[in-house]
């Protein structure tokens, strides 16, 4: 599928720079970034919350994004 997007010049430059740094195409970088986006599943946020010792609110989307960022940084 082809998609055309209009980006501010600075956003385009950052994306191109990151793709170059990783040695991949801009399209591959965008695919990886999209794959790192959280999947909307409210059930996952609910499962296990009763047994949790976490006292602050748990943000599944933030946790997934952080994990995806760590995986990308490790090249996983």
Protein backbone atom coordinates (compact mmCIF):
# COMPACT_ATOMS: atom_id res chain seq x y z
CA UNK A 1 0.00 0.00 0.00
CA UNK A 2 1.26 3.47 -0.78
CA UNK A 3 0.67 6.44 1.48
CA UNK A 4 1.58 10.06 0.91
CA UNK A 5 2.03 12.34 3.91
CA UNK A 6 3.01 15.98 4.22
CA UNK A 7 5.53 16.47 7.01
CA UNK A 8 7.16 19.59 8.36
CA UNK A 9 10.73 19.81 7.05
CA UNK A 10 12.23 19.24 10.50
CA UNK A 11 10.19 16.06 11.06
CA UNK A 12 11.20 14.73 7.65
CA UNK A 13 14.85 15.51 8.35
CA UNK A 14 14.70 13.69 11.71
CA UNK A 15 13.11 10.63 10.13
CA UNK A 16 15.60 10.55 7.28
CA UNK A 17 18.48 11.02 9.71
CA UNK A 18 17.29 8.16 11.90
CA UNK A 19 16.81 5.88 8.88
CA UNK A 20 20.32 6.69 7.70
CA UNK A 21 21.74 6.13 11.18
CA UNK A 22 20.12 2.68 11.29
CA UNK A 23 21.12 1.87 7.71
CA UNK A 24 17.53 1.25 6.61
CA UNK A 25 15.13 2.93 4.22
CA UNK A 26 12.72 5.64 5.32
CA UNK A 27 9.85 3.26 4.50
CA UNK A 28 11.35 0.56 6.75
CA UNK A 29 11.77 3.06 9.59
CA UNK A 30 8.12 4.08 9.32
CA UNK A 31 7.07 0.41 9.30
CA UNK A 32 9.09 -0.16 12.49
CA UNK A 33 7.63 2.93 14.15
CA UNK A 34 4.10 1.87 13.24
CA UNK A 35 4.74 -1.63 14.59
CA UNK A 36 5.78 -0.09 17.91
CA UNK A 37 2.44 1.67 18.34
CA UNK A 38 0.23 0.23 21.07
CA UNK A 39 -2.57 -2.12 20.14
CA UNK A 40 -5.89 -1.01 21.55
CA UNK A 41 -7.00 -3.82 23.85
CA UNK A 42 -8.55 -2.68 27.13
CA UNK A 43 -8.74 -6.29 28.34
CA UNK A 44 -4.95 -6.49 28.52
CA UNK A 45 -4.86 -3.52 30.88
CA UNK A 46 -7.41 -5.24 33.11
CA UNK A 47 -5.92 -8.74 33.27
CA UNK A 48 -3.82 -9.17 36.39
CA UNK A 49 -4.50 -5.73 37.81
CA UNK A 50 -6.11 -7.22 40.95
CA UNK A 51 -2.92 -9.05 41.92
CA UNK A 52 -0.61 -6.14 41.17
CA UNK A 53 1.33 -4.38 43.90
CA UNK A 54 1.66 -1.26 41.75
CA UNK A 55 0.08 1.66 43.59
CA UNK A 56 0.26 4.31 40.85
CA UNK A 57 -2.04 4.18 37.81
CA UNK A 58 -0.78 1.74 35.18
CA UNK A 59 -0.71 3.06 31.64
CA UNK A 60 -0.49 0.06 29.29
CA UNK A 61 0.05 2.30 26.28
CA UNK A 62 3.01 4.07 27.90
CA UNK A 63 4.50 0.75 29.03
CA UNK A 64 4.16 -0.74 25.53
CA UNK A 65 5.72 2.33 23.95
CA UNK A 66 8.65 2.21 26.38
CA UNK A 67 9.17 -1.51 25.73
CA UNK A 68 9.02 -0.98 21.96
CA UNK A 69 11.57 1.83 22.24
CA UNK A 70 13.89 -0.42 24.26
CA UNK A 71 13.51 -3.24 21.73
CA UNK A 72 14.24 -0.90 18.81
CA UNK A 73 17.31 0.45 20.58
CA UNK A 74 18.54 -3.12 21.10
CA UNK A 75 17.77 -4.04 17.49
CA UNK A 76 15.28 -6.73 18.56
